[in-house]
Amino acid sequence: MLRCPFCGGPCGFDVRACPHCSVELASVRCPRCFSLQFTGSRFCARCGTALELEPLLDPTDAPCPRCGALLAFTSGAAPPDDASHEGYPLHECVSCGGLFLSQGTLEDIVRRESSVSHAPTHAPRTSGVGPHAQGPVRYLKCPMCHDLMNRVNFGKRSGVIVEVCKPHGVWFEKGELTRAIEFVADGGLVETKRRSEELVQEKERAAHLAVARGANDVLRDDVDHRGSYGGTLLDILRELLG
């Protein structure tokens, strides 16, 4: 925890502004795991990535889906191990710490984490409960088109619930983009794919078994019963493959 130099209130390390007096505090965002670090830190305390000065935040007129404050835009700092990369553009809420990024940017980050072998330099995982999990579910509006976004469990099993606007992007609550990146780096998406493939194979085996049993029933039954079985078989297949 850090004490605000203006009001003396306690401030977490994962927001840029003091939650008590709204004064913006100096901090730098890690270009790899996107966690916030105190200015002057040479390395990210979360993943060990070397830190550099990041681009300035430019004010926008897009409202934060969570708290209503105006979002700021940044082109993002480039990862230190990829000098050719221009950075990851995103919108950030300085007040509550949420991040909004396009589908393309998110796919770029996931692709990077899926192809790089990481050493276990990160700090211990923290569960962290976002504001969306506290109290009744509230659907948020996209900061670009203001339509309600869909709630999705990132990677189907990460426990990180994100809000998605298909045309414009994905909203992550404070700290959740970091958790999603760690989920990918730990092989979470690979495991999701494996489980999905196993489920499909299991459904296919069950469908084949249902067809085989149906064929045996047809051989045993007389012609009058064959016509009624077709509908039952389709119902089984719809249930298995739906």
C-alpha atoms as a PDB file:
ATOM      1  CA  MET A   1       0.000   0.000   0.000  1.00  0.00           C
ATOM      2  CA  LEU A   2       1.008   3.602  -0.623  1.00  0.00           C
ATOM      3  CA  ARG A   3      -0.013   6.807   1.163  1.00  0.00           C
ATOM      4  CA  CYS A   4      -1.354   9.557  -1.076  1.00  0.00           C
ATOM      5  CA  PRO A   5       1.054  12.510  -0.836  1.00  0.00           C
ATOM      6  CA  PHE A   6      -1.886  14.934  -1.024  1.00  0.00           C
ATOM      7  CA  CYS A   7      -4.541  13.566   1.353  1.00  0.00           C
ATOM      8  CA  GLY A   8      -2.635  10.834   3.166  1.00  0.00           C
ATOM      9  CA  GLY A   9      -5.204   8.159   2.312  1.00  0.00           C
ATOM     10  CA  PRO A  10      -4.123   4.580   1.591  1.00  0.00           C
ATOM     11  CA  CYS A  11      -3.773   3.769  -2.116  1.00  0.00           C
ATOM     12  CA  GLY A  12      -3.418   0.410  -3.801  1.00  0.00           C
ATOM     13  CA  PHE A  13      -0.701  -0.279  -6.333  1.00  0.00           C
ATOM     14  CA  ASP A  14      -3.202  -1.210  -9.056  1.00  0.00           C
ATOM     15  CA  VAL A  15      -4.785   2.212  -9.761  1.00  0.00           C
ATOM     16  CA  ARG A  16      -3.326   5.449 -11.082  1.00  0.00           C
ATOM     17  CA  ALA A  17      -5.467   7.796  -8.991  1.00  0.00           C
ATOM     18  CA  CYS A  18      -6.077   8.136  -5.267  1.00  0.00           C
ATOM     19  CA  PRO A  19      -9.520   6.672  -4.465  1.00  0.00           C
ATOM     20  CA  HIS A  20     -10.045   9.312  -1.767  1.00  0.00           C
ATOM     21  CA  CYS A  21      -9.126  12.628  -3.431  1.00  0.00           C
ATOM     22  CA  SER A  22      -8.906  11.516  -7.118  1.00  0.00           C
ATOM     23  CA  VAL A  23      -5.407  12.995  -7.472  1.00  0.00           C
ATOM     24  CA  GLU A  24      -3.489  11.113 -10.164  1.00  0.00           C
ATOM     25  CA  LEU A  25      -0.432   9.311  -8.824  1.00  0.00           C
ATOM     26  CA  ALA A  26       2.749   8.565 -10.727  1.00  0.00           C
ATOM     27  CA  SER A  27       2.840   4.974 -11.956  1.00  0.00           C
ATOM     28  CA  VAL A  28       3.968   2.953 -14.960  1.00  0.00           C
ATOM     29  CA  ARG A  29       2.178   0.020 -16.594  1.00  0.00           C
ATOM     30  CA  CYS A  30       4.146  -3.134 -17.396  1.00  0.00           C
ATOM     31  CA  PRO A  31       4.207  -3.714 -21.185  1.00  0.00           C
ATOM     32  CA  ARG A  32       3.896  -7.493 -20.732  1.00  0.00           C
ATOM     33  CA  CYS A  33       1.457  -8.244 -17.900  1.00  0.00           C
ATOM     34  CA  PHE A  34      -0.160  -4.753 -17.771  1.00  0.00           C
ATOM     35  CA  SER A  35       0.044  -4.481 -13.996  1.00  0.00           C
ATOM     36  CA  LEU A  36       0.784  -1.036 -12.546  1.00  0.00           C
ATOM     37  CA  GLN A  37       4.128  -0.382 -10.882  1.00  0.00           C
ATOM     38  CA  PHE A  38       5.417   2.588  -8.928  1.00  0.00           C
ATOM     39  CA  THR A  39       7.463   5.074 -10.917  1.00  0.00           C
ATOM     40  CA  GLY A  40      11.158   4.440 -10.418  1.00  0.00           C
ATOM     41  CA  SER A  41      10.818   0.661 -10.441  1.00  0.00           C
ATOM     42  CA  ARG A  42      13.297  -0.962 -12.801  1.00  0.00           C
ATOM     43  CA  PHE A  43      11.451  -4.257 -13.115  1.00  0.00           C
ATOM     44  CA  CYS A  44       7.833  -5.362 -12.857  1.00  0.00           C
ATOM     45  CA  ALA A  45       7.208  -6.910  -9.449  1.00  0.00           C
ATOM     46  CA  ARG A  46       4.607  -9.187 -11.033  1.00  0.00           C
ATOM     47  CA  CYS A  47       6.443 -10.758 -14.007  1.00  0.00           C
ATOM     48  CA  GLY A  48      10.001  -9.408 -13.874  1.00  0.00           C
ATOM     49  CA  THR A  49       9.840  -7.503 -17.167  1.00  0.00           C
ATOM     50  CA  ALA A  50      12.167  -4.504 -17.488  1.00  0.00           C
ATOM     51  CA  LEU A  51      10.228  -1.235 -17.249  1.00  0.00           C
ATOM     52  CA  GLU A  52      10.662   1.908 -19.322  1.00  0.00           C
ATOM     53  CA  LEU A  53       8.786   5.168 -19.627  1.00  0.00           C
ATOM     54  CA  GLU A  54       5.411   4.573 -21.236  1.00  0.00           C
ATOM     55  CA  PRO A  55       3.535   6.894 -23.630  1.00  0.00           C
ATOM     56  CA  LEU A  56       1.394   9.620 -22.093  1.00  0.00           C
ATOM     57  CA  LEU A  57      -2.312   9.083 -21.537  1.00  0.00           C
ATOM     58  CA  ASP A  58      -4.431  11.208 -23.884  1.00  0.00           C
ATOM     59  CA  PRO A  59      -7.891  12.265 -22.640  1.00  0.00           C
ATOM     60  CA  THR A  60     -10.960  11.100 -24.586  1.00  0.00           C
ATOM     61  CA  ASP A  61     -14.714  11.679 -24.381  1.00  0.00           C
ATOM     62  CA  ALA A  62     -15.459   7.952 -23.988  1.00  0.00           C
ATOM     63  CA  PRO A  63     -17.040   7.159 -20.578  1.00  0.00           C
ATOM     64  CA  CYS A  64     -15.799   4.369 -18.340  1.00  0.00           C
ATOM     65  CA  PRO A  65     -18.357   1.514 -18.385  1.00  0.00           C
ATOM     66  CA  ARG A  66     -17.918   0.979 -14.648  1.00  0.00           C
ATOM     67  CA  CYS A  67     -17.608   4.379 -12.948  1.00  0.00           C
ATOM     68  CA  GLY A  68     -18.498   6.896 -15.672  1.00  0.00           C
ATOM     69  CA  ALA A  69     -15.191   8.798 -15.599  1.00  0.00           C
ATOM     70  CA  LEU A  70     -13.719   9.705 -18.988  1.00  0.00           C
ATOM     71  CA  LEU A  71     -11.303   7.123 -20.353  1.00  0.00           C
ATOM     72  CA  ALA A  72      -7.758   7.978 -21.401  1.00  0.00           C
ATOM     73  CA  PHE A  73      -6.033   6.489 -24.446  1.00  0.00           C
ATOM     74  CA  THR A  74      -2.482   5.216 -24.704  1.00  0.00           C
ATOM     75  CA  SER A  75      -0.607   3.557 -27.536  1.00  0.00           C
ATOM     76  CA  GLY A  76       1.097   1.361 -24.929  1.00  0.00           C
ATOM     77  CA  ALA A  77       4.750   0.617 -24.344  1.00  0.00           C
ATOM     78  CA  ALA A  78       6.406  -1.968 -26.573  1.00  0.00           C
ATOM     79  CA  PRO A  79       7.639  -5.209 -24.967  1.00  0.00           C
ATOM     80  CA  PRO A  80      11.384  -4.968 -24.318  1.00  0.00           C
ATOM     81  CA  ASP A  81      12.072  -8.212 -26.211  1.00  0.00           C
ATOM     82  CA  ASP A  82      10.384  -6.977 -29.407  1.00  0.00           C
ATOM     83  CA  ALA A  83      11.802  -3.670 -30.609  1.00  0.00           C
ATOM     84  CA  SER A  84       9.740  -3.842 -33.810  1.00  0.00           C
ATOM     85  CA  HIS A  85       6.433  -3.855 -31.899  1.00  0.00           C
ATOM     86  CA  GLU A  86       4.662  -0.510 -31.661  1.00  0.00           C
ATOM     87  CA  GLY A  87       2.887  -1.300 -28.412  1.00  0.00           C
ATOM     88  CA  TYR A  88      -0.638  -2.320 -27.444  1.00  0.00           C
ATOM     89  CA  PRO A  89      -3.179   0.512 -27.793  1.00  0.00           C
ATOM     90  CA  LEU A  90      -5.890   0.599 -25.152  1.00  0.00           C
ATOM     91  CA  HIS A  91      -8.273   2.840 -23.237  1.00  0.00           C
ATOM     92  CA  GLU A  92      -7.782   3.110 -19.496  1.00  0.00           C
ATOM     93  CA  CYS A  93      -9.853   4.466 -16.646  1.00  0.00           C
ATOM     94  CA  VAL A  94      -7.472   6.364 -14.390  1.00  0.00           C
ATOM     95  CA  SER A  95     -10.116   6.419 -11.665  1.00  0.00           C
ATOM     96  CA  CYS A  96     -11.065   2.735 -11.282  1.00  0.00           C
ATOM     97  CA  GLY A  97      -8.233   1.025 -13.171  1.00  0.00           C
ATOM     98  CA  GLY A  98     -10.337  -0.722 -15.833  1.00  0.00           C
ATOM     99  CA  LEU A  99      -8.990  -1.325 -19.352  1.00  0.00           C
ATOM    100  CA  PHE A 100     -10.785  -1.433 -22.704  1.00  0.00           C
ATOM    101  CA  LEU A 101      -8.979  -2.883 -25.721  1.00  0.00           C
ATOM    102  CA  SER A 102      -9.949  -4.023 -29.193  1.00  0.00           C
ATOM    103  CA  GLN A 103     -10.403  -7.663 -30.127  1.00  0.00           C
ATOM    104  CA  GLY A 104      -7.352  -7.380 -32.388  1.00  0.00           C
ATOM    105  CA  THR A 105      -5.156  -6.074 -29.563  1.00  0.00           C
ATOM    106  CA  LEU A 106      -6.353  -8.818 -27.220  1.00  0.00           C
ATOM    107  CA  GLU A 107      -5.685 -11.478 -29.868  1.00  0.00           C
ATOM    108  CA  ASP A 108      -2.205 -10.028 -30.365  1.00  0.00           C
ATOM    109  CA  ILE A 109      -1.498 -10.302 -26.630  1.00  0.00           C
ATOM    110  CA  VAL A 110      -2.873 -13.851 -26.430  1.00  0.00           C
ATOM    111  CA  ARG A 111      -0.826 -14.874 -29.478  1.00  0.00           C
ATOM    112  CA  ARG A 112       2.302 -13.490 -27.831  1.00  0.00           C
ATOM    113  CA  GLU A 113       1.704 -15.269 -24.532  1.00  0.00           C
ATOM    114  CA  SER A 114       0.797 -18.549 -26.255  1.00  0.00           C
ATOM    115  CA  SER A 115       4.043 -18.646 -28.259  1.00  0.00           C
ATOM    116  CA  VAL A 116       6.537 -17.591 -25.568  1.00  0.00           C
ATOM    117  CA  SER A 117       7.876 -19.892 -22.887  1.00  0.00           C
ATOM    118  CA  HIS A 118       7.854 -17.997 -19.598  1.00  0.00           C
ATOM    119  CA  ALA A 119      10.103 -18.566 -16.643  1.00  0.00           C
ATOM    120  CA  PRO A 120       8.263 -18.664 -13.294  1.00  0.00           C
ATOM    121  CA  THR A 121       9.286 -15.125 -12.344  1.00  0.00           C
ATOM    122  CA  HIS A 122       5.819 -13.831 -11.569  1.00  0.00           C
ATOM    123  CA  ALA A 123       4.534 -13.180  -8.103  1.00  0.00           C
ATOM    124  CA  PRO A 124       2.035 -15.640  -6.567  1.00  0.00           C
ATOM    125  CA  ARG A 125      -1.346 -15.581  -8.272  1.00  0.00           C
ATOM    126  CA  THR A 126      -4.027 -13.594  -6.503  1.00  0.00           C
ATOM    127  CA  SER A 127      -7.674 -14.428  -6.967  1.00  0.00           C
ATOM    128  CA  GLY A 128      -8.920 -10.853  -6.879  1.00  0.00           C
ATOM    129  CA  VAL A 129     -12.631 -10.160  -7.095  1.00  0.00           C
ATOM    130  CA  GLY A 130     -13.673  -7.500  -9.568  1.00  0.00           C
ATOM    131  CA  PRO A 131     -16.490  -5.015  -8.952  1.00  0.00           C
ATOM    132  CA  HIS A 132     -18.754  -6.984 -11.295  1.00  0.00           C
ATOM    133  CA  ALA A 133     -18.734  -9.920  -8.827  1.00  0.00           C
ATOM    134  CA  GLN A 134     -19.869  -7.818  -5.907  1.00  0.00           C
ATOM    135  CA  GLY A 135     -23.628  -7.647  -5.456  1.00  0.00           C
ATOM    136  CA  PRO A 136     -26.171  -7.945  -8.280  1.00  0.00           C
ATOM    137  CA  VAL A 137     -24.947  -8.421 -11.842  1.00  0.00           C
ATOM    138  CA  ARG A 138     -24.949  -5.167 -13.783  1.00  0.00           C
ATOM    139  CA  TYR A 139     -24.490  -5.246 -17.545  1.00  0.00           C
ATOM    140  CA  LEU A 140     -22.140  -2.529 -18.735  1.00  0.00           C
ATOM    141  CA  LYS A 141     -22.343  -0.343 -21.826  1.00  0.00           C
ATOM    142  CA  CYS A 142     -19.638  -0.229 -24.465  1.00  0.00           C
ATOM    143  CA  PRO A 143     -17.746   3.088 -24.143  1.00  0.00           C
ATOM    144  CA  MET A 144     -17.763   3.458 -27.935  1.00  0.00           C
ATOM    145  CA  CYS A 145     -21.297   2.578 -29.099  1.00  0.00           C
ATOM    146  CA  HIS A 146     -23.051   2.579 -25.658  1.00  0.00           C
ATOM    147  CA  ASP A 147     -24.777  -0.740 -26.371  1.00  0.00           C
ATOM    148  CA  LEU A 148     -24.923  -3.296 -23.560  1.00  0.00           C
ATOM    149  CA  MET A 149     -22.001  -5.713 -23.629  1.00  0.00           C
ATOM    150  CA  ASN A 150     -22.108  -9.485 -23.153  1.00  0.00           C
ATOM    151  CA  ARG A 151     -20.533 -11.085 -20.072  1.00  0.00           C
ATOM    152  CA  VAL A 152     -18.081 -13.877 -20.940  1.00  0.00           C
ATOM    153  CA  ASN A 153     -15.807 -16.111 -18.873  1.00  0.00           C
ATOM    154  CA  PHE A 154     -12.414 -15.504 -20.483  1.00  0.00           C
ATOM    155  CA  GLY A 155     -11.120 -18.790 -21.888  1.00  0.00           C
ATOM    156  CA  LYS A 156     -14.309 -20.477 -20.587  1.00  0.00           C
ATOM    157  CA  ARG A 157     -12.637 -21.525 -17.319  1.00  0.00           C
ATOM    158  CA  SER A 158     -10.356 -18.721 -16.125  1.00  0.00           C
ATOM    159  CA  GLY A 159     -12.875 -17.183 -13.724  1.00  0.00           C
ATOM    160  CA  VAL A 160     -12.141 -13.758 -15.238  1.00  0.00           C
ATOM    161  CA  ILE A 161     -15.528 -12.399 -16.309  1.00  0.00           C
ATOM    162  CA  VAL A 162     -15.107  -9.825 -19.066  1.00  0.00           C
ATOM    163  CA  GLU A 163     -17.605  -7.646 -20.921  1.00  0.00           C
ATOM    164  CA  VAL A 164     -17.489  -7.951 -24.699  1.00  0.00           C
ATOM    165  CA  CYS A 165     -18.703  -5.671 -27.491  1.00  0.00           C
ATOM    166  CA  LYS A 166     -18.022  -7.619 -30.702  1.00  0.00           C
ATOM    167  CA  PRO A 167     -17.594  -4.545 -32.951  1.00  0.00           C
ATOM    168  CA  HIS A 168     -15.405  -2.527 -30.578  1.00  0.00           C
ATOM    169  CA  GLY A 169     -13.598  -4.505 -27.908  1.00  0.00           C
ATOM    170  CA  VAL A 170     -13.357  -6.089 -24.463  1.00  0.00           C
ATOM    171  CA  TRP A 171     -13.601  -4.466 -21.025  1.00  0.00           C
ATOM    172  CA  PHE A 172     -11.414  -5.753 -18.171  1.00  0.00           C
ATOM    173  CA  GLU A 173     -11.936  -4.620 -14.595  1.00  0.00           C
ATOM    174  CA  LYS A 174      -8.949  -3.495 -12.521  1.00  0.00           C
ATOM    175  CA  GLY A 175      -6.242  -6.178 -12.541  1.00  0.00           C
ATOM    176  CA  GLU A 176      -8.223  -8.625 -14.670  1.00  0.00           C
ATOM    177  CA  LEU A 177      -6.199  -8.241 -17.865  1.00  0.00           C
ATOM    178  CA  THR A 178      -3.145  -9.275 -15.832  1.00  0.00           C
ATOM    179  CA  ARG A 179      -5.011 -12.337 -14.535  1.00  0.00           C
ATOM    180  CA  ALA A 180      -6.161 -13.236 -18.048  1.00  0.00           C
ATOM    181  CA  ILE A 181      -2.593 -12.985 -19.366  1.00  0.00           C
ATOM    182  CA  GLU A 182      -1.346 -15.206 -16.546  1.00  0.00           C
ATOM    183  CA  PHE A 183      -4.089 -17.720 -17.381  1.00  0.00           C
ATOM    184  CA  VAL A 184      -2.852 -17.860 -20.989  1.00  0.00           C
ATOM    185  CA  ALA A 185       0.835 -17.988 -19.979  1.00  0.00           C
ATOM    186  CA  ASP A 186       0.098 -20.898 -17.604  1.00  0.00           C
ATOM    187  CA  GLY A 187      -1.415 -22.898 -20.479  1.00  0.00           C
ATOM    188  CA  GLY A 188      -5.051 -22.207 -19.609  1.00  0.00           C
ATOM    189  CA  LEU A 189      -6.224 -21.777 -23.209  1.00  0.00           C
ATOM    190  CA  VAL A 190      -4.380 -24.937 -24.269  1.00  0.00           C
ATOM    191  CA  GLU A 191      -6.181 -26.858 -21.524  1.00  0.00           C
ATOM    192  CA  THR A 192      -9.510 -25.322 -22.574  1.00  0.00           C
ATOM    193  CA  LYS A 193      -8.912 -26.449 -26.154  1.00  0.00           C
ATOM    194  CA  ARG A 194      -7.993 -29.954 -24.992  1.00  0.00           C
ATOM    195  CA  ARG A 195     -11.128 -30.259 -22.869  1.00  0.00           C
ATOM    196  CA  SER A 196     -13.299 -28.938 -25.719  1.00  0.00           C
ATOM    197  CA  GLU A 197     -11.830 -31.506 -28.122  1.00  0.00           C
ATOM    198  CA  GLU A 198     -12.433 -34.290 -25.588  1.00  0.00           C
ATOM    199  CA  LEU A 199     -16.040 -33.163 -25.177  1.00  0.00           C
ATOM    200  CA  VAL A 200     -16.588 -33.185 -28.938  1.00  0.00           C
ATOM    201  CA  GLN A 201     -15.071 -36.669 -29.209  1.00  0.00           C
ATOM    202  CA  GLU A 202     -17.240 -37.866 -26.349  1.00  0.00           C
ATOM    203  CA  LYS A 203     -20.358 -36.524 -28.053  1.00  0.00           C
ATOM    204  CA  GLU A 204     -19.345 -38.137 -31.336  1.00  0.00           C
ATOM    205  CA  ARG A 205     -18.837 -41.519 -29.643  1.00  0.00           C
ATOM    206  CA  ALA A 206     -22.215 -41.209 -27.944  1.00  0.00           C
ATOM    207  CA  ALA A 207     -23.854 -40.292 -31.256  1.00  0.00           C
ATOM    208  CA  HIS A 208     -22.287 -43.272 -33.023  1.00  0.00           C
ATOM    209  CA  LEU A 209     -23.408 -45.521 -30.206  1.00  0.00           C
ATOM    210  CA  ALA A 210     -26.942 -44.145 -30.465  1.00  0.00           C
ATOM    211  CA  VAL A 211     -26.948 -44.764 -34.229  1.00  0.00           C
ATOM    212  CA  ALA A 212     -25.675 -48.324 -33.746  1.00  0.00           C
ATOM    213  CA  ARG A 213     -28.321 -49.061 -31.149  1.00  0.00           C
ATOM    214  CA  GLY A 214     -30.966 -47.589 -33.426  1.00  0.00           C
ATOM    215  CA  ALA A 215     -29.838 -49.793 -36.306  1.00  0.00           C
ATOM    216  CA  ASN A 216     -30.111 -52.888 -34.130  1.00  0.00           C
ATOM    217  CA  ASP A 217     -33.604 -51.860 -33.054  1.00  0.00           C
ATOM    218  CA  VAL A 218     -34.614 -51.471 -36.705  1.00  0.00           C
ATOM    219  CA  LEU A 219     -33.372 -54.952 -37.508  1.00  0.00           C
ATOM    220  CA  ARG A 220     -35.417 -56.400 -34.659  1.00  0.00           C
ATOM    221  CA  ASP A 221     -38.563 -54.393 -35.222  1.00  0.00           C
ATOM    222  CA  ASP A 222     -41.036 -54.721 -38.057  1.00  0.00           C
ATOM    223  CA  VAL A 223     -41.463 -52.144 -40.809  1.00  0.00           C
ATOM    224  CA  ASP A 224     -44.180 -50.208 -38.939  1.00  0.00           C
ATOM    225  CA  HIS A 225     -41.754 -49.219 -36.192  1.00  0.00           C
ATOM    226  CA  ARG A 226     -39.009 -47.950 -38.521  1.00  0.00           C
ATOM    227  CA  GLY A 227     -40.817 -44.751 -39.468  1.00  0.00           C
ATOM    228  CA  SER A 228     -41.278 -43.620 -35.871  1.00  0.00           C
ATOM    229  CA  TYR A 229     -37.604 -44.188 -34.926  1.00  0.00           C
ATOM    230  CA  GLY A 230     -36.255 -41.555 -37.319  1.00  0.00           C
ATOM    231  CA  GLY A 231     -37.657 -38.695 -35.263  1.00  0.00           C
ATOM    232  CA  THR A 232     -36.347 -40.185 -32.020  1.00  0.00           C
ATOM    233  CA  LEU A 233     -32.838 -40.574 -33.476  1.00  0.00           C
ATOM    234  CA  LEU A 234     -32.818 -36.967 -34.664  1.00  0.00           C
ATOM    235  CA  ASP A 235     -33.881 -35.868 -31.209  1.00  0.00           C
ATOM    236  CA  ILE A 236     -30.984 -37.814 -29.695  1.00  0.00           C
ATOM    237  CA  LEU A 237     -28.488 -36.330 -32.134  1.00  0.00           C
ATOM    238  CA  ARG A 238     -29.780 -32.803 -31.544  1.00  0.00           C
ATOM    239  CA  GLU A 239     -29.424 -33.296 -27.813  1.00  0.00           C
ATOM    240  CA  LEU A 240     -25.889 -34.717 -28.107  1.00  0.00           C
ATOM    241  CA  LEU A 241     -24.539 -32.269 -30.666  1.00  0.00           C
ATOM    242  CA  GLY A 242     -26.567 -29.183 -29.736  1.00  0.00           C
END
